[in-house]
Amino acid sequence: MGKAKRRSLNQGINNKFQYMTRESALDSVIKNMDNKNDVIDTITLFGFSAEEMLEAGAEYEDVMALGGLIN
C-alpha cells in the first residue's frame, strides 16, 4: 500500500468529529468533564450555555468552574 492511500485511510479512522451532533457533543462534554482541554474545545465549538449543560446532567460546580467559557 502506498503512502498516500495509507494516509487517507488513517485520516478517516482518526476523524472523531465526522458525525458529531449538538446532542452527542453535549453528552460527550458531560461524560468527559475531567479532561478539561477536550471539554473546552467542544464547548467553544458548539457554544453551549450553562442552562443546557445543567439540564443535560452536569454538576453545578463543574459548570461554574468553566466560568467565562459558557454563555
PDB file of N, CA and C in Angstrom:
ATOM      1  N   MET A   1       0.846  -1.167   0.000  1.00  0.00           N
ATOM      2  CA  MET A   1       0.000   0.000   0.000  1.00  0.00           C
ATOM      3  C   MET A   1       0.897   1.237   0.000  1.00  0.00           C
ATOM      4  N   GLY A   2       0.551   2.200  -0.832  1.00  0.00           N
ATOM      5  CA  GLY A   2       1.346   3.417  -0.924  1.00  0.00           C
ATOM      6  C   GLY A   2       1.119   4.350   0.250  1.00  0.00           C
ATOM      7  N   LYS A   3       2.018   5.331   0.355  1.00  0.00           N
ATOM      8  CA  LYS A   3       1.939   6.273   1.470  1.00  0.00           C
ATOM      9  C   LYS A   3       0.657   7.098   1.427  1.00  0.00           C
ATOM     10  N   ALA A   4       0.262   7.544   0.247  1.00  0.00           N
ATOM     11  CA  ALA A   4      -0.919   8.405   0.139  1.00  0.00           C
ATOM     12  C   ALA A   4      -2.189   7.652   0.526  1.00  0.00           C
ATOM     13  N   LYS A   5      -2.308   6.407   0.092  1.00  0.00           N
ATOM     14  CA  LYS A   5      -3.501   5.626   0.424  1.00  0.00           C
ATOM     15  C   LYS A   5      -3.538   5.331   1.922  1.00  0.00           C
ATOM     16  N   ARG A   6      -2.415   5.005   2.503  1.00  0.00           N
ATOM     17  CA  ARG A   6      -2.347   4.738   3.940  1.00  0.00           C
ATOM     18  C   ARG A   6      -2.734   5.994   4.725  1.00  0.00           C
ATOM     19  N   ARG A   7      -2.245   7.159   4.292  1.00  0.00           N
ATOM     20  CA  ARG A   7      -2.558   8.416   4.957  1.00  0.00           C
ATOM     21  C   ARG A   7      -4.049   8.731   4.852  1.00  0.00           C
ATOM     22  N   SER A   8      -4.641   8.494   3.694  1.00  0.00           N
ATOM     23  CA  SER A   8      -6.063   8.754   3.504  1.00  0.00           C
ATOM     24  C   SER A   8      -6.916   7.867   4.402  1.00  0.00           C
ATOM     25  N   LEU A   9      -6.540   6.601   4.512  1.00  0.00           N
ATOM     26  CA  LEU A   9      -7.291   5.697   5.371  1.00  0.00           C
ATOM     27  C   LEU A   9      -7.169   6.086   6.838  1.00  0.00           C
ATOM     28  N   ASN A  10      -5.972   6.479   7.256  1.00  0.00           N
ATOM     29  CA  ASN A  10      -5.777   6.876   8.647  1.00  0.00           C
ATOM     30  C   ASN A  10      -6.515   8.162   8.990  1.00  0.00           C
ATOM     31  N   GLN A  11      -6.650   9.079   8.041  1.00  0.00           N
ATOM     32  CA  GLN A  11      -7.386  10.307   8.307  1.00  0.00           C
ATOM     33  C   GLN A  11      -8.854   9.998   8.589  1.00  0.00           C
ATOM     34  N   GLY A  12      -9.432   9.073   7.863  1.00  0.00           N
ATOM     35  CA  GLY A  12     -10.824   8.703   8.094  1.00  0.00           C
ATOM     36  C   GLY A  12     -11.021   8.005   9.427  1.00  0.00           C
ATOM     37  N   ILE A  13     -10.058   7.203   9.836  1.00  0.00           N
ATOM     38  CA  ILE A  13     -10.157   6.484  11.106  1.00  0.00           C
ATOM     39  C   ILE A  13     -10.038   7.450  12.279  1.00  0.00           C
ATOM     40  N   ASN A  14      -9.161   8.435  12.171  1.00  0.00           N
ATOM     41  CA  ASN A  14      -8.898   9.342  13.284  1.00  0.00           C
ATOM     42  C   ASN A  14      -9.813  10.560  13.314  1.00  0.00           C
ATOM     43  N   ASN A  15     -10.753  10.661  12.409  1.00  0.00           N
ATOM     44  CA  ASN A  15     -11.647  11.809  12.357  1.00  0.00           C
ATOM     45  C   ASN A  15     -12.825  11.570  13.286  1.00  0.00           C
ATOM     46  N   LYS A  16     -12.714  12.022  14.545  1.00  0.00           N
ATOM     47  CA  LYS A  16     -13.752  11.715  15.527  1.00  0.00           C
ATOM     48  C   LYS A  16     -14.930  12.679  15.473  1.00  0.00           C
ATOM     49  N   PHE A  17     -14.809  13.804  14.780  1.00  0.00           N
ATOM     50  CA  PHE A  17     -15.893  14.770  14.716  1.00  0.00           C
ATOM     51  C   PHE A  17     -16.714  14.665  13.441  1.00  0.00           C
ATOM     52  N   GLN A  18     -16.581  13.582  12.727  1.00  0.00           N
ATOM     53  CA  GLN A  18     -17.249  13.457  11.445  1.00  0.00           C
ATOM     54  C   GLN A  18     -18.769  13.469  11.594  1.00  0.00           C
ATOM     55  N   TYR A  19     -19.307  12.799  12.584  1.00  0.00           N
ATOM     56  CA  TYR A  19     -20.749  12.700  12.749  1.00  0.00           C
ATOM     57  C   TYR A  19     -21.215  13.247  14.094  1.00  0.00           C
ATOM     58  N   MET A  20     -20.533  14.208  14.634  1.00  0.00           N
ATOM     59  CA  MET A  20     -20.894  14.723  15.954  1.00  0.00           C
ATOM     60  C   MET A  20     -22.023  15.742  15.820  1.00  0.00           C
ATOM     61  N   THR A  21     -23.126  15.459  16.479  1.00  0.00           N
ATOM     62  CA  THR A  21     -24.239  16.390  16.516  1.00  0.00           C
ATOM     63  C   THR A  21     -24.155  17.203  17.797  1.00  0.00           C
ATOM     64  N   ARG A  22     -25.023  18.176  17.911  1.00  0.00           N
ATOM     65  CA  ARG A  22     -25.017  19.018  19.104  1.00  0.00           C
ATOM     66  C   ARG A  22     -25.344  18.198  20.350  1.00  0.00           C
ATOM     67  N   GLU A  23     -26.288  17.282  20.229  1.00  0.00           N
ATOM     68  CA  GLU A  23     -26.675  16.450  21.368  1.00  0.00           C
ATOM     69  C   GLU A  23     -25.552  15.509  21.779  1.00  0.00           C
ATOM     70  N   SER A  24     -24.899  14.891  20.796  1.00  0.00           N
ATOM     71  CA  SER A  24     -23.805  13.980  21.140  1.00  0.00           C
ATOM     72  C   SER A  24     -22.601  14.743  21.691  1.00  0.00           C
ATOM     73  N   ALA A  25     -22.392  15.970  21.228  1.00  0.00           N
ATOM     74  CA  ALA A  25     -21.302  16.784  21.759  1.00  0.00           C
ATOM     75  C   ALA A  25     -21.571  17.160  23.208  1.00  0.00           C
ATOM     76  N   LEU A  26     -22.823  17.493  23.520  1.00  0.00           N
ATOM     77  CA  LEU A  26     -23.177  17.833  24.895  1.00  0.00           C
ATOM     78  C   LEU A  26     -23.020  16.623  25.804  1.00  0.00           C
ATOM     79  N   ASP A  27     -23.409  15.464  25.317  1.00  0.00           N
ATOM     80  CA  ASP A  27     -23.242  14.226  26.084  1.00  0.00           C
ATOM     81  C   ASP A  27     -21.759  13.939  26.320  1.00  0.00           C
ATOM     82  N   SER A  28     -20.950  14.167  25.308  1.00  0.00           N
ATOM     83  CA  SER A  28     -19.509  13.948  25.435  1.00  0.00           C
ATOM     84  C   SER A  28     -18.889  14.918  26.442  1.00  0.00           C
ATOM     85  N   VAL A  29     -19.359  16.152  26.478  1.00  0.00           N
ATOM     86  CA  VAL A  29     -18.855  17.136  27.439  1.00  0.00           C
ATOM     87  C   VAL A  29     -19.191  16.709  28.856  1.00  0.00           C
ATOM     88  N   ILE A  30     -20.410  16.238  29.069  1.00  0.00           N
ATOM     89  CA  ILE A  30     -20.842  15.841  30.405  1.00  0.00           C
ATOM     90  C   ILE A  30     -20.045  14.626  30.887  1.00  0.00           C
ATOM     91  N   LYS A  31     -19.807  13.661  30.003  1.00  0.00           N
ATOM     92  CA  LYS A  31     -19.090  12.445  30.388  1.00  0.00           C
ATOM     93  C   LYS A  31     -17.605  12.696  30.632  1.00  0.00           C
ATOM     94  N   ASN A  32     -17.001  13.615  29.893  1.00  0.00           N
ATOM     95  CA  ASN A  32     -15.556  13.839  29.954  1.00  0.00           C
ATOM     96  C   ASN A  32     -15.195  15.125  30.673  1.00  0.00           C
ATOM     97  N   MET A  33     -15.899  15.456  31.721  1.00  0.00           N
ATOM     98  CA  MET A  33     -15.667  16.705  32.433  1.00  0.00           C
ATOM     99  C   MET A  33     -14.272  16.754  33.067  1.00  0.00           C
ATOM    100  N   ASP A  34     -13.640  15.612  33.292  1.00  0.00           N
ATOM    101  CA  ASP A  34     -12.295  15.582  33.874  1.00  0.00           C
ATOM    102  C   ASP A  34     -11.225  16.008  32.874  1.00  0.00           C
ATOM    103  N   ASN A  35     -11.456  15.761  31.589  1.00  0.00           N
ATOM    104  CA  ASN A  35     -10.498  16.120  30.541  1.00  0.00           C
ATOM    105  C   ASN A  35     -10.804  17.535  30.067  1.00  0.00           C
ATOM    106  N   LYS A  36     -10.257  18.529  30.751  1.00  0.00           N
ATOM    107  CA  LYS A  36     -10.627  19.933  30.533  1.00  0.00           C
ATOM    108  C   LYS A  36     -10.303  20.435  29.130  1.00  0.00           C
ATOM    109  N   ASN A  37      -9.198  20.006  28.521  1.00  0.00           N
ATOM    110  CA  ASN A  37      -8.835  20.521  27.203  1.00  0.00           C
ATOM    111  C   ASN A  37      -9.862  20.151  26.142  1.00  0.00           C
ATOM    112  N   ASP A  38     -10.289  18.894  26.108  1.00  0.00           N
ATOM    113  CA  ASP A  38     -11.296  18.478  25.132  1.00  0.00           C
ATOM    114  C   ASP A  38     -12.640  19.120  25.414  1.00  0.00           C
ATOM    115  N   VAL A  39     -12.969  19.271  26.687  1.00  0.00           N
ATOM    116  CA  VAL A  39     -14.243  19.884  27.067  1.00  0.00           C
ATOM    117  C   VAL A  39     -14.269  21.345  26.636  1.00  0.00           C
ATOM    118  N   ILE A  40     -13.194  22.067  26.864  1.00  0.00           N
ATOM    119  CA  ILE A  40     -13.130  23.476  26.487  1.00  0.00           C
ATOM    120  C   ILE A  40     -13.248  23.636  24.981  1.00  0.00           C
ATOM    121  N   ASP A  41     -12.560  22.800  24.223  1.00  0.00           N
ATOM    122  CA  ASP A  41     -12.637  22.867  22.766  1.00  0.00           C
ATOM    123  C   ASP A  41     -14.059  22.617  22.268  1.00  0.00           C
ATOM    124  N   THR A  42     -14.716  21.629  22.830  1.00  0.00           N
ATOM    125  CA  THR A  42     -16.071  21.285  22.384  1.00  0.00           C
ATOM    126  C   THR A  42     -17.066  22.368  22.782  1.00  0.00           C
ATOM    127  N   ILE A  43     -16.925  22.923  23.974  1.00  0.00           N
ATOM    128  CA  ILE A  43     -17.841  23.983  24.421  1.00  0.00           C
ATOM    129  C   ILE A  43     -17.710  25.213  23.531  1.00  0.00           C
ATOM    130  N   THR A  44     -16.501  25.610  23.213  1.00  0.00           N
ATOM    131  CA  THR A  44     -16.319  26.790  22.370  1.00  0.00           C
ATOM    132  C   THR A  44     -16.750  26.524  20.936  1.00  0.00           C
ATOM    133  N   LEU A  45     -16.614  25.299  20.474  1.00  0.00           N
ATOM    134  CA  LEU A  45     -17.035  24.963  19.113  1.00  0.00           C
ATOM    135  C   LEU A  45     -18.552  25.030  18.968  1.00  0.00           C
ATOM    136  N   PHE A  46     -19.290  24.495  19.931  1.00  0.00           N
ATOM    137  CA  PHE A  46     -20.744  24.437  19.843  1.00  0.00           C
ATOM    138  C   PHE A  46     -21.444  25.584  20.564  1.00  0.00           C
ATOM    139  N   GLY A  47     -20.766  26.314  21.423  1.00  0.00           N
ATOM    140  CA  GLY A  47     -21.357  27.443  22.123  1.00  0.00           C
ATOM    141  C   GLY A  47     -22.450  27.064  23.110  1.00  0.00           C
ATOM    142  N   PHE A  48     -22.169  26.109  23.970  1.00  0.00           N
ATOM    143  CA  PHE A  48     -23.155  25.665  24.948  1.00  0.00           C
ATOM    144  C   PHE A  48     -23.386  26.727  26.013  1.00  0.00           C
ATOM    145  N   SER A  49     -24.603  26.751  26.533  1.00  0.00           N
ATOM    146  CA  SER A  49     -24.912  27.648  27.643  1.00  0.00           C
ATOM    147  C   SER A  49     -24.905  26.843  28.939  1.00  0.00           C
ATOM    148  N   ALA A  50     -24.857  27.561  30.052  1.00  0.00           N
ATOM    149  CA  ALA A  50     -24.857  26.896  31.360  1.00  0.00           C
ATOM    150  C   ALA A  50     -26.164  26.143  31.571  1.00  0.00           C
ATOM    151  N   GLU A  51     -27.257  26.728  31.104  1.00  0.00           N
ATOM    152  CA  GLU A  51     -28.565  26.086  31.261  1.00  0.00           C
ATOM    153  C   GLU A  51     -28.632  24.758  30.523  1.00  0.00           C
ATOM    154  N   GLU A  52     -28.103  24.723  29.296  1.00  0.00           N
ATOM    155  CA  GLU A  52     -28.088  23.473  28.532  1.00  0.00           C
ATOM    156  C   GLU A  52     -27.298  22.389  29.243  1.00  0.00           C
ATOM    157  N   MET A  53     -26.154  22.767  29.769  1.00  0.00           N
ATOM    158  CA  MET A  53     -25.292  21.793  30.418  1.00  0.00           C
ATOM    159  C   MET A  53     -25.910  21.263  31.704  1.00  0.00           C
ATOM    160  N   LEU A  54     -26.548  22.144  32.472  1.00  0.00           N
ATOM    161  CA  LEU A  54     -27.185  21.706  33.712  1.00  0.00           C
ATOM    162  C   LEU A  54     -28.383  20.810  33.430  1.00  0.00           C
ATOM    163  N   GLU A  55     -29.154  21.120  32.388  1.00  0.00           N
ATOM    164  CA  GLU A  55     -30.298  20.286  32.036  1.00  0.00           C
ATOM    165  C   GLU A  55     -29.860  18.914  31.534  1.00  0.00           C
ATOM    166  N   ALA A  56     -28.656  18.848  30.952  1.00  0.00           N
ATOM    167  CA  ALA A  56     -28.149  17.573  30.434  1.00  0.00           C
ATOM    168  C   ALA A  56     -27.563  16.703  31.542  1.00  0.00           C
ATOM    169  N   GLY A  57     -27.396  17.264  32.741  1.00  0.00           N
ATOM    170  CA  GLY A  57     -26.927  16.446  33.851  1.00  0.00           C
ATOM    171  C   GLY A  57     -25.572  16.802  34.410  1.00  0.00           C
ATOM    172  N   ALA A  58     -25.020  17.926  34.013  1.00  0.00           N
ATOM    173  CA  ALA A  58     -23.726  18.339  34.558  1.00  0.00           C
ATOM    174  C   ALA A  58     -23.906  18.823  35.987  1.00  0.00           C
ATOM    175  N   GLU A  59     -22.868  18.691  36.779  1.00  0.00           N
ATOM    176  CA  GLU A  59     -22.913  19.171  38.145  1.00  0.00           C
ATOM    177  C   GLU A  59     -22.694  20.679  38.165  1.00  0.00           C
ATOM    178  N   TYR A  60     -23.353  21.325  39.101  1.00  0.00           N
ATOM    179  CA  TYR A  60     -23.310  22.787  39.196  1.00  0.00           C
ATOM    180  C   TYR A  60     -21.882  23.299  39.383  1.00  0.00           C
ATOM    181  N   GLU A  61     -21.108  22.627  40.199  1.00  0.00           N
ATOM    182  CA  GLU A  61     -19.736  23.058  40.471  1.00  0.00           C
ATOM    183  C   GLU A  61     -18.864  22.990  39.214  1.00  0.00           C
ATOM    184  N   ASP A  62     -19.066  21.938  38.410  1.00  0.00           N
ATOM    185  CA  ASP A  62     -18.283  21.822  37.166  1.00  0.00           C
ATOM    186  C   ASP A  62     -18.624  22.926  36.184  1.00  0.00           C
ATOM    187  N   VAL A  63     -19.892  23.261  36.095  1.00  0.00           N
ATOM    188  CA  VAL A  63     -20.315  24.308  35.175  1.00  0.00           C
ATOM    189  C   VAL A  63     -19.776  25.672  35.625  1.00  0.00           C
ATOM    190  N   MET A  64     -19.829  25.933  36.913  1.00  0.00           N
ATOM    191  CA  MET A  64     -19.321  27.204  37.424  1.00  0.00           C
ATOM    192  C   MET A  64     -17.800  27.288  37.304  1.00  0.00           C
ATOM    193  N   ALA A  65     -17.115  26.162  37.318  1.00  0.00           N
ATOM    194  CA  ALA A  65     -15.659  26.158  37.177  1.00  0.00           C
ATOM    195  C   ALA A  65     -15.243  26.583  35.775  1.00  0.00           C
ATOM    196  N   LEU A  66     -16.109  26.363  34.790  1.00  0.00           N
ATOM    197  CA  LEU A  66     -15.802  26.755  33.414  1.00  0.00           C
ATOM    198  C   LEU A  66     -15.942  28.259  33.225  1.00  0.00           C
ATOM    199  N   GLY A  67     -16.686  28.902  34.081  1.00  0.00           N
ATOM    200  CA  GLY A  67     -16.758  30.359  34.133  1.00  0.00           C
ATOM    201  C   GLY A  67     -17.115  31.051  32.832  1.00  0.00           C
ATOM    202  N   GLY A  68     -16.181  31.820  32.296  1.00  0.00           N
ATOM    203  CA  GLY A  68     -16.428  32.673  31.127  1.00  0.00           C
ATOM    204  C   GLY A  68     -16.552  31.936  29.813  1.00  0.00           C
ATOM    205  N   LEU A  69     -16.341  30.637  29.792  1.00  0.00           N
ATOM    206  CA  LEU A  69     -16.439  29.913  28.516  1.00  0.00           C
ATOM    207  C   LEU A  69     -17.885  29.693  28.081  1.00  0.00           C
ATOM    208  N   ILE A  70     -18.770  29.662  29.040  1.00  0.00           N
ATOM    209  CA  ILE A  70     -20.169  29.372  28.727  1.00  0.00           C
ATOM    210  C   ILE A  70     -20.986  30.649  28.768  1.00  0.00           C
ATOM    211  N   ASN A  71     -22.081  30.622  28.037  1.00  0.00           N
ATOM    212  CA  ASN A  71     -22.964  31.802  27.968  1.00  0.00           C
ATOM    213  C   ASN A  71     -23.884  31.855  29.159  1.00  0.00           C
TER     214      ASN A  71
END
